[in-house]
Amino acid sequence: MQSKRTRLDRFISKKTGISRGSLRPLFAKGMVSVDGVVNRDTQYVIDEFSKVSFDGEELQNNTPVYIMMHKPAGVVSATKDEQHKTVIDLLERPDKNTLHIAGRLDLHSSGLLLLTNDSRWSSRLTLPEKKVRKVYRVTLANPLTDAYIEAFAKGMYFGFEDITTRPAQLKILSEYVAEVTLEEGRYHQIKRMFGRFRNPVVKLHRLSVGNLVLDDSLPEGQSRELSEYEVCHIS
């Protein structure tokens, strides 16, 4: 999701209906403030959390929100869906419709899901070049062997997208359970990688994103806000 950054004069013009040309003398008179400080720079760039006032009227005063959810299987990672309950439906917050998802899980997967209204923060977590680690516990239909470890570490070529996955770490926890660490999130990537071995994924559960681990005390379907430390040190 792109950051909602815009020029200050463009923002005020859109909010008030006053043309940008007509705003210039009003800026010069000190009628505009950003974060409590008078701002006369029409080209100043603000974001969705800049507190903006014009002629004593508050035009924007948003607070960033960061939420950890224990997503259950059977709930879709979307803000709206006509067929399934969404993760937004699980929230009991008046601001829930302002949130977006930072890294989706598919319908049948469970585990750590992050929601926010901060587009720059979510971009830092989801853009491939940021190489944020995601750890999953995967339960398979058929037994695992050491051959999986080597194949995941080499990366796999997906002809449909004409890409080779980045090296992934696979740790065998038991005969049918593995822990997989990725630095990317291609479409159904884990299921497709195990599909090369014709080994269906029975359960897929995300344990962590970056340094943030799913809270053991958080029941399925429940959520909590992240602490300031968790927000700042997630990656």
C-alpha atoms as a PDB file:
ATOM      1  CA  MET A   1       0.000   0.000   0.000  1.00  0.00           C
ATOM      2  CA  GLN A   2       1.420   3.366  -1.028  1.00  0.00           C
ATOM      3  CA  SER A   3       2.198   5.996   1.569  1.00  0.00           C
ATOM      4  CA  LYS A   4      -0.394   8.784   1.736  1.00  0.00           C
ATOM      5  CA  ARG A   5       2.094  11.638   1.376  1.00  0.00           C
ATOM      6  CA  THR A   6       0.963  14.843  -0.279  1.00  0.00           C
ATOM      7  CA  ARG A   7       1.765  18.540  -0.527  1.00  0.00           C
ATOM      8  CA  LEU A   8       0.271  20.662   2.224  1.00  0.00           C
ATOM      9  CA  ASP A   9      -1.459  23.124  -0.123  1.00  0.00           C
ATOM     10  CA  ARG A  10      -2.961  20.288  -2.172  1.00  0.00           C
ATOM     11  CA  PHE A  11      -4.314  18.640   0.985  1.00  0.00           C
ATOM     12  CA  ILE A  12      -5.907  21.855   2.301  1.00  0.00           C
ATOM     13  CA  SER A  13      -7.350  22.708  -1.108  1.00  0.00           C
ATOM     14  CA  LYS A  14      -9.013  19.308  -1.301  1.00  0.00           C
ATOM     15  CA  LYS A  15     -10.389  19.595   2.234  1.00  0.00           C
ATOM     16  CA  THR A  16     -11.676  23.179   1.981  1.00  0.00           C
ATOM     17  CA  GLY A  17     -12.433  23.704  -1.713  1.00  0.00           C
ATOM     18  CA  ILE A  18     -10.157  26.742  -1.799  1.00  0.00           C
ATOM     19  CA  SER A  19      -7.873  26.883  -4.839  1.00  0.00           C
ATOM     20  CA  ARG A  20      -4.161  26.519  -4.226  1.00  0.00           C
ATOM     21  CA  GLY A  21      -3.569  29.969  -5.701  1.00  0.00           C
ATOM     22  CA  SER A  22      -5.999  31.519  -3.227  1.00  0.00           C
ATOM     23  CA  LEU A  23      -4.338  29.651  -0.370  1.00  0.00           C
ATOM     24  CA  ARG A  24      -0.928  31.299  -0.824  1.00  0.00           C
ATOM     25  CA  PRO A  25      -1.754  34.578   0.974  1.00  0.00           C
ATOM     26  CA  LEU A  26      -3.495  32.606   3.728  1.00  0.00           C
ATOM     27  CA  PHE A  27      -0.330  30.578   4.267  1.00  0.00           C
ATOM     28  CA  ALA A  28       1.623  33.857   4.423  1.00  0.00           C
ATOM     29  CA  LYS A  29      -0.738  35.138   7.137  1.00  0.00           C
ATOM     30  CA  GLY A  30       0.100  32.129   9.303  1.00  0.00           C
ATOM     31  CA  MET A  31      -3.329  30.506   9.047  1.00  0.00           C
ATOM     32  CA  VAL A  32      -1.899  27.011   8.560  1.00  0.00           C
ATOM     33  CA  SER A  33      -0.243  24.861  11.220  1.00  0.00           C
ATOM     34  CA  VAL A  34       1.256  21.369  11.106  1.00  0.00           C
ATOM     35  CA  ASP A  35       1.808  19.444  14.316  1.00  0.00           C
ATOM     36  CA  GLY A  36       1.042  22.575  16.330  1.00  0.00           C
ATOM     37  CA  VAL A  37       3.545  24.794  14.520  1.00  0.00           C
ATOM     38  CA  VAL A  38       2.653  27.546  12.007  1.00  0.00           C
ATOM     39  CA  ASN A  39       3.737  26.451   8.516  1.00  0.00           C
ATOM     40  CA  ARG A  40       4.006  28.922   5.612  1.00  0.00           C
ATOM     41  CA  ASP A  41       5.525  26.468   3.130  1.00  0.00           C
ATOM     42  CA  THR A  42       2.838  25.549   0.571  1.00  0.00           C
ATOM     43  CA  GLN A  43       5.031  22.743  -0.798  1.00  0.00           C
ATOM     44  CA  TYR A  44       5.630  21.123   2.575  1.00  0.00           C
ATOM     45  CA  VAL A  45       4.947  17.381   2.412  1.00  0.00           C
ATOM     46  CA  ILE A  46       2.660  15.806   5.009  1.00  0.00           C
ATOM     47  CA  ASP A  47       1.513  12.256   5.621  1.00  0.00           C
ATOM     48  CA  GLU A  48      -1.622  10.675   7.079  1.00  0.00           C
ATOM     49  CA  PHE A  49      -0.426  11.290  10.642  1.00  0.00           C
ATOM     50  CA  SER A  50       0.494  14.964  10.294  1.00  0.00           C
ATOM     51  CA  LYS A  51      -1.832  17.056  12.463  1.00  0.00           C
ATOM     52  CA  VAL A  52      -3.091  19.843  10.216  1.00  0.00           C
ATOM     53  CA  SER A  53      -5.132  22.918  11.177  1.00  0.00           C
ATOM     54  CA  PHE A  54      -6.421  25.718   8.947  1.00  0.00           C
ATOM     55  CA  ASP A  55      -7.774  28.991  10.330  1.00  0.00           C
ATOM     56  CA  GLY A  56      -8.196  27.346  13.727  1.00  0.00           C
ATOM     57  CA  GLU A  57     -10.096  24.341  12.336  1.00  0.00           C
ATOM     58  CA  GLU A  58      -8.596  20.860  12.668  1.00  0.00           C
ATOM     59  CA  LEU A  59      -8.457  19.182   9.245  1.00  0.00           C
ATOM     60  CA  GLN A  60      -6.543  16.025  10.174  1.00  0.00           C
ATOM     61  CA  ASN A  61      -5.605  14.405  13.462  1.00  0.00           C
ATOM     62  CA  ASN A  62      -5.004  10.689  12.854  1.00  0.00           C
ATOM     63  CA  THR A  63      -3.251   8.336  15.253  1.00  0.00           C
ATOM     64  CA  PRO A  64      -1.219   5.365  13.945  1.00  0.00           C
ATOM     65  CA  VAL A  65      -2.589   1.948  14.903  1.00  0.00           C
ATOM     66  CA  TYR A  66      -0.663  -1.350  14.915  1.00  0.00           C
ATOM     67  CA  ILE A  67      -2.461  -4.613  15.673  1.00  0.00           C
ATOM     68  CA  MET A  68      -1.404  -8.241  16.107  1.00  0.00           C
ATOM     69  CA  MET A  69      -4.100 -10.811  15.359  1.00  0.00           C
ATOM     70  CA  HIS A  70      -4.150 -14.574  15.826  1.00  0.00           C
ATOM     71  CA  LYS A  71      -5.888 -15.359  12.543  1.00  0.00           C
ATOM     72  CA  PRO A  72      -7.962 -18.560  12.507  1.00  0.00           C
ATOM     73  CA  ALA A  73      -8.208 -20.807   9.456  1.00  0.00           C
ATOM     74  CA  GLY A  74     -11.401 -20.183   7.490  1.00  0.00           C
ATOM     75  CA  VAL A  75     -11.250 -16.394   7.805  1.00  0.00           C
ATOM     76  CA  VAL A  76     -10.133 -14.432   4.764  1.00  0.00           C
ATOM     77  CA  SER A  77      -7.359 -11.827   4.875  1.00  0.00           C
ATOM     78  CA  ALA A  78      -9.376  -9.023   3.312  1.00  0.00           C
ATOM     79  CA  THR A  79     -11.251  -5.926   4.348  1.00  0.00           C
ATOM     80  CA  LYS A  80     -14.443  -7.077   2.548  1.00  0.00           C
ATOM     81  CA  ASP A  81     -15.629 -10.405   1.194  1.00  0.00           C
ATOM     82  CA  GLU A  82     -19.115 -11.492   0.124  1.00  0.00           C
ATOM     83  CA  GLN A  83     -18.585 -15.195   0.889  1.00  0.00           C
ATOM     84  CA  HIS A  84     -16.390 -15.431   3.975  1.00  0.00           C
ATOM     85  CA  LYS A  85     -15.898 -13.719   7.312  1.00  0.00           C
ATOM     86  CA  THR A  86     -12.926 -11.345   7.108  1.00  0.00           C
ATOM     87  CA  VAL A  87     -10.249 -10.466   9.629  1.00  0.00           C
ATOM     88  CA  ILE A  88     -11.805  -6.996   9.820  1.00  0.00           C
ATOM     89  CA  ASP A  89     -15.079  -8.624  10.920  1.00  0.00           C
ATOM     90  CA  LEU A  90     -13.209 -10.128  13.888  1.00  0.00           C
ATOM     91  CA  LEU A  91     -12.241  -6.694  15.211  1.00  0.00           C
ATOM     92  CA  GLU A  92     -14.388  -4.742  17.638  1.00  0.00           C
ATOM     93  CA  ARG A  93     -12.969  -1.271  17.072  1.00  0.00           C
ATOM     94  CA  PRO A  94     -14.629   1.905  15.768  1.00  0.00           C
ATOM     95  CA  ASP A  95     -11.611   2.542  13.509  1.00  0.00           C
ATOM     96  CA  LYS A  96     -11.422  -0.962  12.010  1.00  0.00           C
ATOM     97  CA  ASN A  97     -12.449   0.161   8.516  1.00  0.00           C
ATOM     98  CA  THR A  98      -9.396   2.454   8.328  1.00  0.00           C
ATOM     99  CA  LEU A  99      -7.013  -0.512   8.678  1.00  0.00           C
ATOM    100  CA  HIS A 100      -5.275  -2.589   6.039  1.00  0.00           C
ATOM    101  CA  ILE A 101      -3.388  -5.877   6.211  1.00  0.00           C
ATOM    102  CA  ALA A 102       0.415  -5.976   6.296  1.00  0.00           C
ATOM    103  CA  GLY A 103       1.138  -9.364   4.734  1.00  0.00           C
ATOM    104  CA  ARG A 104      -1.811 -11.631   4.056  1.00  0.00           C
ATOM    105  CA  LEU A 105      -2.450 -15.235   4.972  1.00  0.00           C
ATOM    106  CA  ASP A 106      -4.659 -17.355   2.734  1.00  0.00           C
ATOM    107  CA  LEU A 107      -8.106 -18.576   3.756  1.00  0.00           C
ATOM    108  CA  HIS A 108      -6.963 -21.913   5.167  1.00  0.00           C
ATOM    109  CA  SER A 109      -3.852 -20.620   6.963  1.00  0.00           C
ATOM    110  CA  SER A 110      -3.631 -19.412  10.556  1.00  0.00           C
ATOM    111  CA  GLY A 111      -1.270 -17.502  12.799  1.00  0.00           C
ATOM    112  CA  LEU A 112       0.277 -14.057  13.084  1.00  0.00           C
ATOM    113  CA  LEU A 113      -1.449 -11.354  11.058  1.00  0.00           C
ATOM    114  CA  LEU A 114      -0.662  -7.646  11.274  1.00  0.00           C
ATOM    115  CA  LEU A 115      -3.079  -4.794  10.621  1.00  0.00           C
ATOM    116  CA  THR A 116      -2.363  -1.077  10.557  1.00  0.00           C
ATOM    117  CA  ASN A 117      -3.351   2.298   9.134  1.00  0.00           C
ATOM    118  CA  ASP A 118       0.321   3.198   8.624  1.00  0.00           C
ATOM    119  CA  SER A 119       1.175   2.543   4.980  1.00  0.00           C
ATOM    120  CA  ARG A 120       4.894   3.272   5.366  1.00  0.00           C
ATOM    121  CA  TRP A 121       5.203   0.748   8.204  1.00  0.00           C
ATOM    122  CA  SER A 122       3.371  -1.967   6.281  1.00  0.00           C
ATOM    123  CA  SER A 123       5.498  -1.323   3.200  1.00  0.00           C
ATOM    124  CA  ARG A 124       8.669  -1.879   5.235  1.00  0.00           C
ATOM    125  CA  LEU A 125       7.319  -5.312   6.185  1.00  0.00           C
ATOM    126  CA  THR A 126       5.966  -6.455   2.832  1.00  0.00           C
ATOM    127  CA  LEU A 127       8.255  -5.121   0.102  1.00  0.00           C
ATOM    128  CA  PRO A 128      10.484  -7.989  -1.161  1.00  0.00           C
ATOM    129  CA  GLU A 129      13.636  -5.840  -1.098  1.00  0.00           C
ATOM    130  CA  LYS A 130      13.253  -5.348   2.669  1.00  0.00           C
ATOM    131  CA  LYS A 131      13.910  -9.097   3.188  1.00  0.00           C
ATOM    132  CA  VAL A 132      11.800  -9.362   6.338  1.00  0.00           C
ATOM    133  CA  ARG A 133      11.830 -12.950   7.646  1.00  0.00           C
ATOM    134  CA  LYS A 134       8.554 -14.848   8.046  1.00  0.00           C
ATOM    135  CA  VAL A 135       8.526 -18.162   9.923  1.00  0.00           C
ATOM    136  CA  TYR A 136       5.839 -20.804   9.392  1.00  0.00           C
ATOM    137  CA  ARG A 137       5.030 -24.166  10.933  1.00  0.00           C
ATOM    138  CA  VAL A 138       3.858 -26.510   8.187  1.00  0.00           C
ATOM    139  CA  THR A 139       2.098 -29.863   8.604  1.00  0.00           C
ATOM    140  CA  LEU A 140       2.333 -32.165   5.584  1.00  0.00           C
ATOM    141  CA  ALA A 141       0.321 -35.123   4.320  1.00  0.00           C
ATOM    142  CA  ASN A 142       3.414 -37.229   3.598  1.00  0.00           C
ATOM    143  CA  PRO A 143       6.700 -37.794   5.461  1.00  0.00           C
ATOM    144  CA  LEU A 144       9.587 -35.349   5.063  1.00  0.00           C
ATOM    145  CA  THR A 145      13.160 -36.182   4.055  1.00  0.00           C
ATOM    146  CA  ASP A 146      16.450 -34.278   3.978  1.00  0.00           C
ATOM    147  CA  ALA A 147      15.907 -33.706   0.239  1.00  0.00           C
ATOM    148  CA  TYR A 148      13.430 -30.967   1.125  1.00  0.00           C
ATOM    149  CA  ILE A 149      16.090 -29.027   3.027  1.00  0.00           C
ATOM    150  CA  GLU A 150      18.409 -28.820   0.028  1.00  0.00           C
ATOM    151  CA  ALA A 151      15.632 -27.976  -2.441  1.00  0.00           C
ATOM    152  CA  PHE A 152      14.290 -25.124  -0.318  1.00  0.00           C
ATOM    153  CA  ALA A 153      17.812 -23.759   0.262  1.00  0.00           C
ATOM    154  CA  LYS A 154      18.531 -23.663  -3.490  1.00  0.00           C
ATOM    155  CA  GLY A 155      15.285 -21.902  -4.383  1.00  0.00           C
ATOM    156  CA  MET A 156      12.722 -23.101  -6.898  1.00  0.00           C
ATOM    157  CA  TYR A 157      11.848 -21.859 -10.363  1.00  0.00           C
ATOM    158  CA  PHE A 158       8.199 -20.928 -10.956  1.00  0.00           C
ATOM    159  CA  GLY A 159       7.578 -20.837 -14.676  1.00  0.00           C
ATOM    160  CA  PHE A 160       4.248 -18.998 -14.502  1.00  0.00           C
ATOM    161  CA  GLU A 161       5.913 -15.889 -13.035  1.00  0.00           C
ATOM    162  CA  ASP A 162       9.335 -16.700 -14.559  1.00  0.00           C
ATOM    163  CA  ILE A 163      11.033 -16.255 -11.186  1.00  0.00           C
ATOM    164  CA  THR A 164      13.256 -18.300  -8.902  1.00  0.00           C
ATOM    165  CA  THR A 165      12.404 -18.114  -5.220  1.00  0.00           C
ATOM    166  CA  ARG A 166      14.996 -16.832  -2.820  1.00  0.00           C
ATOM    167  CA  PRO A 167      16.763 -19.431  -0.658  1.00  0.00           C
ATOM    168  CA  ALA A 168      14.481 -20.582   2.157  1.00  0.00           C
ATOM    169  CA  GLN A 169      15.377 -22.408   5.346  1.00  0.00           C
ATOM    170  CA  LEU A 170      13.528 -25.624   6.140  1.00  0.00           C
ATOM    171  CA  LYS A 171      13.921 -27.352   9.492  1.00  0.00           C
ATOM    172  CA  ILE A 172      12.350 -30.777  10.000  1.00  0.00           C
ATOM    173  CA  LEU A 173      10.602 -30.856  13.386  1.00  0.00           C
ATOM    174  CA  SER A 174       9.039 -34.297  13.055  1.00  0.00           C
ATOM    175  CA  GLU A 175       8.127 -36.777  10.338  1.00  0.00           C
ATOM    176  CA  TYR A 176       5.238 -34.629   9.077  1.00  0.00           C
ATOM    177  CA  VAL A 177       6.018 -31.175  10.467  1.00  0.00           C
ATOM    178  CA  ALA A 178       8.550 -28.593   9.258  1.00  0.00           C
ATOM    179  CA  GLU A 179       9.463 -25.006  10.105  1.00  0.00           C
ATOM    180  CA  VAL A 180      10.002 -22.820   7.039  1.00  0.00           C
ATOM    181  CA  THR A 181      11.648 -19.389   7.020  1.00  0.00           C
ATOM    182  CA  LEU A 182      11.116 -17.120   4.011  1.00  0.00           C
ATOM    183  CA  GLU A 183      12.217 -13.615   3.065  1.00  0.00           C
ATOM    184  CA  GLU A 184       9.492 -13.204   0.462  1.00  0.00           C
ATOM    185  CA  GLY A 185       5.854 -14.138   0.021  1.00  0.00           C
ATOM    186  CA  ARG A 186       4.973 -15.294  -3.478  1.00  0.00           C
ATOM    187  CA  TYR A 187       1.443 -16.440  -4.238  1.00  0.00           C
ATOM    188  CA  HIS A 188       0.826 -19.664  -2.253  1.00  0.00           C
ATOM    189  CA  GLN A 189       4.607 -20.024  -2.196  1.00  0.00           C
ATOM    190  CA  ILE A 190       4.967 -22.599   0.569  1.00  0.00           C
ATOM    191  CA  LYS A 191       2.198 -24.809  -0.777  1.00  0.00           C
ATOM    192  CA  ARG A 192       3.687 -24.641  -4.263  1.00  0.00           C
ATOM    193  CA  MET A 193       7.182 -25.474  -3.015  1.00  0.00           C
ATOM    194  CA  PHE A 194       5.946 -28.564  -1.206  1.00  0.00           C
ATOM    195  CA  GLY A 195       3.873 -29.281  -4.288  1.00  0.00           C
ATOM    196  CA  ARG A 196       7.138 -29.985  -6.146  1.00  0.00           C
ATOM    197  CA  PHE A 197       7.387 -33.056  -3.929  1.00  0.00           C
ATOM    198  CA  ARG A 198       3.694 -33.841  -4.437  1.00  0.00           C
ATOM    199  CA  ASN A 199       3.265 -33.425  -0.713  1.00  0.00           C
ATOM    200  CA  PRO A 200       0.056 -31.521   0.163  1.00  0.00           C
ATOM    201  CA  VAL A 201       0.116 -28.976   2.981  1.00  0.00           C
ATOM    202  CA  VAL A 202      -2.390 -29.959   5.662  1.00  0.00           C
ATOM    203  CA  LYS A 203      -1.854 -26.967   7.966  1.00  0.00           C
ATOM    204  CA  LEU A 204       0.040 -23.697   7.565  1.00  0.00           C
ATOM    205  CA  HIS A 205       0.590 -21.500  10.606  1.00  0.00           C
ATOM    206  CA  ARG A 206       2.646 -18.276  10.689  1.00  0.00           C
ATOM    207  CA  LEU A 207       4.723 -18.012  13.844  1.00  0.00           C
ATOM    208  CA  SER A 208       6.537 -14.715  13.340  1.00  0.00           C
ATOM    209  CA  VAL A 209       7.220 -11.705  11.123  1.00  0.00           C
ATOM    210  CA  GLY A 210      10.654 -10.171  11.546  1.00  0.00           C
ATOM    211  CA  ASN A 211      11.365 -10.022  15.271  1.00  0.00           C
ATOM    212  CA  LEU A 212       7.683 -10.150  16.211  1.00  0.00           C
ATOM    213  CA  VAL A 213       6.462 -13.545  17.442  1.00  0.00           C
ATOM    214  CA  LEU A 214       2.781 -14.426  17.781  1.00  0.00           C
ATOM    215  CA  ASP A 215       1.737 -13.931  21.394  1.00  0.00           C
ATOM    216  CA  ASP A 216       1.154 -17.372  22.963  1.00  0.00           C
ATOM    217  CA  SER A 217      -1.548 -15.927  25.214  1.00  0.00           C
ATOM    218  CA  LEU A 218      -3.616 -14.639  22.276  1.00  0.00           C
ATOM    219  CA  PRO A 219      -6.509 -17.010  21.423  1.00  0.00           C
ATOM    220  CA  GLU A 220      -7.519 -17.641  17.811  1.00  0.00           C
ATOM    221  CA  GLY A 221      -9.628 -14.808  16.462  1.00  0.00           C
ATOM    222  CA  GLN A 222      -8.392 -12.357  19.096  1.00  0.00           C
ATOM    223  CA  SER A 223      -6.104  -9.359  18.659  1.00  0.00           C
ATOM    224  CA  ARG A 224      -4.181  -6.752  20.612  1.00  0.00           C
ATOM    225  CA  GLU A 225      -2.300  -3.557  19.876  1.00  0.00           C
ATOM    226  CA  LEU A 226       1.460  -3.741  19.557  1.00  0.00           C
ATOM    227  CA  SER A 227       3.659  -1.989  22.072  1.00  0.00           C
ATOM    228  CA  GLU A 228       5.817   0.917  20.946  1.00  0.00           C
ATOM    229  CA  TYR A 229       8.859  -1.331  21.293  1.00  0.00           C
ATOM    230  CA  GLU A 230       7.306  -4.037  19.089  1.00  0.00           C
ATOM    231  CA  VAL A 231       6.405  -1.493  16.409  1.00  0.00           C
ATOM    232  CA  CYS A 232       9.908  -0.025  16.301  1.00  0.00           C
ATOM    233  CA  HIS A 233      11.877  -3.279  16.544  1.00  0.00           C
ATOM    234  CA  ILE A 234       9.866  -5.620  14.328  1.00  0.00           C
ATOM    235  CA  SER A 235      12.578  -5.726  11.656  1.00  0.00           C
END
